[in-house]
């Protein structure tokens, strides 16, 4: 069994402007409520600086950063995230912070 209880899969496409605040808020919530967790960030072929901003925001926390070379859609991003996840439980959050 995994040592991590929860994997949060964040999927993104061209969310450079939004990803820093979204990940900062998520990191704070996880640190308080679910410290045995990881963030799996899936960049679904962004053409902007989404991956670089995510890497900065995730520095110093348990995470994985996975990138598709081309945009493959939400379904493919979710599948990639689940394959990479190491937690006992997996949940999802879009990078735009709308949900």
N, C-alpha and C. Protein backbone atom coordinates (compact mmCIF):
# COMPACT_ATOMS: atom_id res chain seq x y z
N UNK A 1 0.84 -1.18 0.00
CA UNK A 1 0.00 0.00 0.00
C UNK A 1 0.88 1.24 0.00
N UNK A 2 0.43 2.27 -0.66
CA UNK A 2 1.17 3.52 -0.76
C UNK A 2 1.27 4.22 0.59
N UNK A 3 2.35 4.95 0.78
CA UNK A 3 2.49 5.76 1.99
C UNK A 3 1.66 7.02 1.90
N UNK A 4 1.28 7.40 0.68
CA UNK A 4 0.46 8.59 0.49
C UNK A 4 -1.01 8.21 0.53
N UNK A 5 -1.78 8.99 1.28
CA UNK A 5 -3.21 8.73 1.34
C UNK A 5 -3.94 9.27 0.11
N UNK A 6 -3.53 10.44 -0.38
CA UNK A 6 -4.29 11.13 -1.41
C UNK A 6 -3.39 11.68 -2.50
N UNK A 7 -3.83 11.50 -3.75
CA UNK A 7 -3.22 12.17 -4.90
C UNK A 7 -4.26 13.11 -5.48
N UNK A 8 -3.88 14.36 -5.66
CA UNK A 8 -4.76 15.34 -6.31
C UNK A 8 -4.19 15.59 -7.70
N UNK A 9 -4.95 15.19 -8.71
CA UNK A 9 -4.53 15.37 -10.10
C UNK A 9 -5.08 16.71 -10.58
N UNK A 10 -4.17 17.61 -10.95
CA UNK A 10 -4.53 18.90 -11.51
C UNK A 10 -4.24 18.82 -13.00
N UNK A 11 -5.23 19.10 -13.82
CA UNK A 11 -5.03 19.08 -15.27
C UNK A 11 -5.15 20.49 -15.82
N UNK A 12 -4.24 20.82 -16.77
CA UNK A 12 -4.17 22.21 -17.23
C UNK A 12 -3.86 22.28 -18.72
N UNK A 13 -4.40 23.31 -19.34
CA UNK A 13 -4.05 23.67 -20.71
C UNK A 13 -4.05 25.20 -20.79
N UNK A 14 -2.87 25.77 -21.00
CA UNK A 14 -2.69 27.22 -21.11
C UNK A 14 -3.29 27.98 -19.93
N UNK A 15 -2.83 27.66 -18.74
CA UNK A 15 -3.31 28.29 -17.51
C UNK A 15 -2.20 29.02 -16.77
N UNK A 16 -1.24 29.56 -17.52
CA UNK A 16 -0.09 30.23 -16.91
C UNK A 16 -0.49 31.30 -15.89
N UNK A 17 -1.49 32.10 -16.21
CA UNK A 17 -1.89 33.20 -15.33
C UNK A 17 -2.59 32.72 -14.06
N UNK A 18 -3.26 31.58 -14.12
CA UNK A 18 -4.06 31.10 -12.99
C UNK A 18 -3.37 30.10 -12.10
N UNK A 19 -2.39 29.38 -12.61
CA UNK A 19 -1.92 28.19 -11.92
C UNK A 19 -1.20 28.48 -10.60
N UNK A 20 -0.47 29.56 -10.52
CA UNK A 20 0.24 29.88 -9.27
C UNK A 20 -0.71 30.03 -8.09
N UNK A 21 -1.72 30.91 -8.19
CA UNK A 21 -2.66 31.06 -7.07
C UNK A 21 -3.45 29.78 -6.76
N UNK A 22 -3.86 29.05 -7.78
CA UNK A 22 -4.61 27.81 -7.56
C UNK A 22 -3.76 26.80 -6.79
N UNK A 23 -2.52 26.61 -7.21
CA UNK A 23 -1.65 25.64 -6.54
C UNK A 23 -1.26 26.10 -5.13
N UNK A 24 -1.08 27.39 -4.95
CA UNK A 24 -0.75 27.91 -3.62
C UNK A 24 -1.90 27.65 -2.65
N UNK A 25 -3.12 27.90 -3.08
CA UNK A 25 -4.28 27.64 -2.23
C UNK A 25 -4.44 26.15 -1.94
N UNK A 26 -4.25 25.33 -2.96
CA UNK A 26 -4.36 23.88 -2.77
C UNK A 26 -3.28 23.38 -1.81
N UNK A 27 -2.06 23.83 -1.98
CA UNK A 27 -0.97 23.41 -1.08
C UNK A 27 -1.30 23.75 0.36
N UNK A 28 -1.83 24.94 0.60
CA UNK A 28 -2.19 25.33 1.95
C UNK A 28 -3.27 24.44 2.54
N UNK A 29 -4.29 24.14 1.74
CA UNK A 29 -5.37 23.28 2.22
C UNK A 29 -4.85 21.88 2.52
N UNK A 30 -4.05 21.32 1.63
CA UNK A 30 -3.52 19.97 1.84
C UNK A 30 -2.62 19.92 3.06
N UNK A 31 -1.80 20.92 3.26
CA UNK A 31 -0.90 20.93 4.42
C UNK A 31 -1.68 20.89 5.73
N UNK A 32 -2.82 21.55 5.76
CA UNK A 32 -3.64 21.60 6.96
C UNK A 32 -4.53 20.37 7.12
N UNK A 33 -5.09 19.90 6.02
CA UNK A 33 -6.14 18.87 6.08
C UNK A 33 -5.72 17.47 5.65
N UNK A 34 -4.73 17.36 4.82
CA UNK A 34 -4.32 16.04 4.31
C UNK A 34 -2.81 16.05 4.04
N UNK A 35 -2.01 16.06 5.11
CA UNK A 35 -0.56 16.17 4.92
C UNK A 35 0.07 14.97 4.21
N UNK A 36 -0.60 13.83 4.20
CA UNK A 36 -0.08 12.65 3.50
C UNK A 36 -0.64 12.62 2.08
N UNK A 37 -0.21 13.60 1.29
CA UNK A 37 -0.77 13.74 -0.06
C UNK A 37 0.31 14.18 -1.04
N UNK A 38 -0.06 14.11 -2.29
CA UNK A 38 0.80 14.61 -3.37
C UNK A 38 -0.09 15.34 -4.37
N UNK A 39 0.54 16.20 -5.15
CA UNK A 39 -0.12 16.85 -6.27
C UNK A 39 0.50 16.29 -7.54
N UNK A 40 -0.35 15.79 -8.42
CA UNK A 40 0.09 15.32 -9.74
C UNK A 40 -0.40 16.36 -10.74
N UNK A 41 0.54 17.11 -11.31
CA UNK A 41 0.18 18.18 -12.24
C UNK A 41 0.38 17.68 -13.67
N UNK A 42 -0.69 17.72 -14.46
CA UNK A 42 -0.63 17.28 -15.85
C UNK A 42 -0.83 18.50 -16.75
N UNK A 43 0.22 18.89 -17.46
CA UNK A 43 0.14 19.95 -18.46
C UNK A 43 -0.21 19.29 -19.78
N UNK A 44 -1.40 19.57 -20.26
CA UNK A 44 -1.91 18.91 -21.46
C UNK A 44 -1.53 19.67 -22.73
N UNK A 45 -0.22 19.83 -22.93
CA UNK A 45 0.29 20.42 -24.18
C UNK A 45 0.19 21.93 -24.25
N UNK A 46 0.29 22.61 -23.14
CA UNK A 46 0.19 24.07 -23.13
C UNK A 46 1.26 24.71 -24.01
N UNK A 47 0.90 25.85 -24.64
CA UNK A 47 1.85 26.58 -25.46
C UNK A 47 2.37 27.82 -24.74
N UNK A 48 1.97 28.01 -23.49
CA UNK A 48 2.45 29.14 -22.70
C UNK A 48 3.37 28.63 -21.59
N UNK A 49 3.53 29.38 -20.55
CA UNK A 49 4.45 29.01 -19.46
C UNK A 49 3.79 28.25 -18.32
N UNK A 50 2.72 27.52 -18.60
CA UNK A 50 2.00 26.79 -17.56
C UNK A 50 2.91 25.86 -16.77
N UNK A 51 3.69 25.05 -17.44
CA UNK A 51 4.57 24.09 -16.75
C UNK A 51 5.58 24.78 -15.86
N UNK A 52 6.17 25.85 -16.34
CA UNK A 52 7.18 26.58 -15.55
C UNK A 52 6.55 27.19 -14.30
N UNK A 53 5.37 27.77 -14.45
CA UNK A 53 4.68 28.36 -13.30
C UNK A 53 4.27 27.29 -12.30
N UNK A 54 3.83 26.14 -12.80
CA UNK A 54 3.46 25.03 -11.90
C UNK A 54 4.69 24.54 -11.15
N UNK A 55 5.80 24.39 -11.83
CA UNK A 55 7.03 23.93 -11.17
C UNK A 55 7.43 24.88 -10.06
N UNK A 56 7.33 26.19 -10.30
CA UNK A 56 7.66 27.17 -9.26
C UNK A 56 6.71 27.05 -8.07
N UNK A 57 5.42 26.95 -8.36
CA UNK A 57 4.41 26.89 -7.29
C UNK A 57 4.49 25.60 -6.49
N UNK A 58 4.97 24.53 -7.09
CA UNK A 58 5.03 23.23 -6.42
C UNK A 58 6.37 22.96 -5.74
N UNK A 59 7.32 23.82 -5.94
CA UNK A 59 8.64 23.63 -5.34
C UNK A 59 8.53 23.46 -3.83
N UNK A 60 9.19 22.44 -3.32
CA UNK A 60 9.21 22.20 -1.88
C UNK A 60 8.06 21.36 -1.36
N UNK A 61 7.26 20.81 -2.25
CA UNK A 61 6.15 19.96 -1.83
C UNK A 61 6.20 18.64 -2.60
N UNK A 62 5.53 17.63 -2.10
CA UNK A 62 5.48 16.35 -2.79
C UNK A 62 4.62 16.51 -4.03
N UNK A 63 5.23 16.29 -5.20
CA UNK A 63 4.48 16.48 -6.44
C UNK A 63 5.13 15.72 -7.59
N UNK A 64 4.37 15.61 -8.64
CA UNK A 64 4.86 15.10 -9.92
C UNK A 64 4.38 16.08 -10.99
N UNK A 65 5.21 16.32 -11.97
CA UNK A 65 4.85 17.17 -13.08
C UNK A 65 4.97 16.35 -14.36
N UNK A 66 3.84 16.17 -15.04
CA UNK A 66 3.80 15.38 -16.27
C UNK A 66 3.33 16.29 -17.38
N UNK A 67 3.93 16.15 -18.57
CA UNK A 67 3.55 17.03 -19.67
C UNK A 67 3.29 16.24 -20.95
N UNK A 68 2.14 16.50 -21.57
CA UNK A 68 1.87 15.99 -22.91
C UNK A 68 2.50 16.96 -23.90
N UNK A 69 3.11 16.44 -24.93
CA UNK A 69 3.72 17.31 -25.95
C UNK A 69 2.67 18.07 -26.75
N UNK A 70 1.50 17.48 -26.96
CA UNK A 70 0.40 18.14 -27.66
C UNK A 70 -0.86 18.02 -26.81
N UNK A 71 -1.81 18.90 -27.05
CA UNK A 71 -3.07 18.85 -26.33
C UNK A 71 -3.83 17.60 -26.72
N UNK A 72 -4.17 16.78 -25.72
CA UNK A 72 -4.86 15.52 -25.98
C UNK A 72 -6.25 15.49 -25.36
N UNK A 73 -6.62 16.52 -24.61
CA UNK A 73 -7.95 16.60 -24.03
C UNK A 73 -8.01 16.16 -22.59
N UNK A 74 -9.14 16.50 -21.95
CA UNK A 74 -9.31 16.24 -20.53
C UNK A 74 -9.21 14.75 -20.20
N UNK A 75 -9.85 13.91 -21.00
CA UNK A 75 -9.83 12.47 -20.72
C UNK A 75 -8.42 11.92 -20.67
N UNK A 76 -7.60 12.30 -21.64
CA UNK A 76 -6.22 11.82 -21.67
C UNK A 76 -5.42 12.38 -20.49
N UNK A 77 -5.68 13.64 -20.14
CA UNK A 77 -4.97 14.24 -19.00
C UNK A 77 -5.33 13.51 -17.70
N UNK A 78 -6.60 13.17 -17.53
CA UNK A 78 -7.02 12.45 -16.33
C UNK A 78 -6.38 11.07 -16.27
N UNK A 79 -6.37 10.36 -17.40
CA UNK A 79 -5.75 9.03 -17.43
C UNK A 79 -4.26 9.10 -17.11
N UNK A 80 -3.58 10.09 -17.67
CA UNK A 80 -2.15 10.26 -17.39
C UNK A 80 -1.93 10.53 -15.90
N UNK A 81 -2.77 11.36 -15.32
CA UNK A 81 -2.65 11.68 -13.90
C UNK A 81 -2.88 10.48 -13.01
N UNK A 82 -3.89 9.68 -13.34
CA UNK A 82 -4.18 8.48 -12.54
C UNK A 82 -3.02 7.49 -12.63
N UNK A 83 -2.47 7.33 -13.81
CA UNK A 83 -1.32 6.41 -13.97
C UNK A 83 -0.13 6.85 -13.12
N UNK A 84 0.06 8.15 -13.01
CA UNK A 84 1.21 8.67 -12.26
C UNK A 84 0.96 8.71 -10.75
N UNK A 85 -0.29 8.76 -10.35
CA UNK A 85 -0.65 8.93 -8.94
C UNK A 85 -0.14 7.78 -8.08
N UNK A 86 0.30 8.13 -6.88
CA UNK A 86 0.82 7.13 -5.95
C UNK A 86 -0.02 7.02 -4.68
N UNK A 87 -1.02 7.86 -4.54
CA UNK A 87 -1.86 7.85 -3.35
C UNK A 87 -2.88 6.72 -3.38
N UNK A 88 -3.38 6.38 -2.19
CA UNK A 88 -4.42 5.35 -2.06
C UNK A 88 -5.72 5.85 -2.69
N UNK A 89 -6.01 7.13 -2.55
CA UNK A 89 -7.19 7.77 -3.13
C UNK A 89 -6.73 8.79 -4.15
N UNK A 90 -7.54 9.00 -5.20
CA UNK A 90 -7.23 9.98 -6.24
C UNK A 90 -8.45 10.87 -6.45
N UNK A 91 -8.20 12.17 -6.55
CA UNK A 91 -9.25 13.11 -6.91
C UNK A 91 -8.71 14.07 -7.95
N UNK A 92 -9.59 14.88 -8.53
CA UNK A 92 -9.22 15.73 -9.66
C UNK A 92 -9.64 17.16 -9.42
N UNK A 93 -8.90 18.09 -10.02
CA UNK A 93 -9.20 19.51 -9.93
C UNK A 93 -8.69 20.18 -11.20
N UNK A 94 -9.56 20.92 -11.91
CA UNK A 94 -9.07 21.65 -13.08
C UNK A 94 -8.19 22.84 -12.64
N UNK A 95 -7.22 23.17 -13.44
CA UNK A 95 -6.25 24.20 -13.08
C UNK A 95 -6.83 25.60 -13.10
N UNK A 96 -8.00 25.80 -13.68
CA UNK A 96 -8.55 27.14 -13.72
C UNK A 96 -9.20 27.55 -12.41
N UNK A 97 -9.29 26.63 -11.45
CA UNK A 97 -9.81 26.95 -10.14
C UNK A 97 -11.32 27.16 -10.09
N UNK A 98 -12.03 26.81 -11.14
CA UNK A 98 -13.46 27.05 -11.20
C UNK A 98 -14.27 26.08 -10.36
N UNK A 99 -13.74 24.91 -10.07
CA UNK A 99 -14.49 23.93 -9.29
C UNK A 99 -13.81 23.75 -7.94
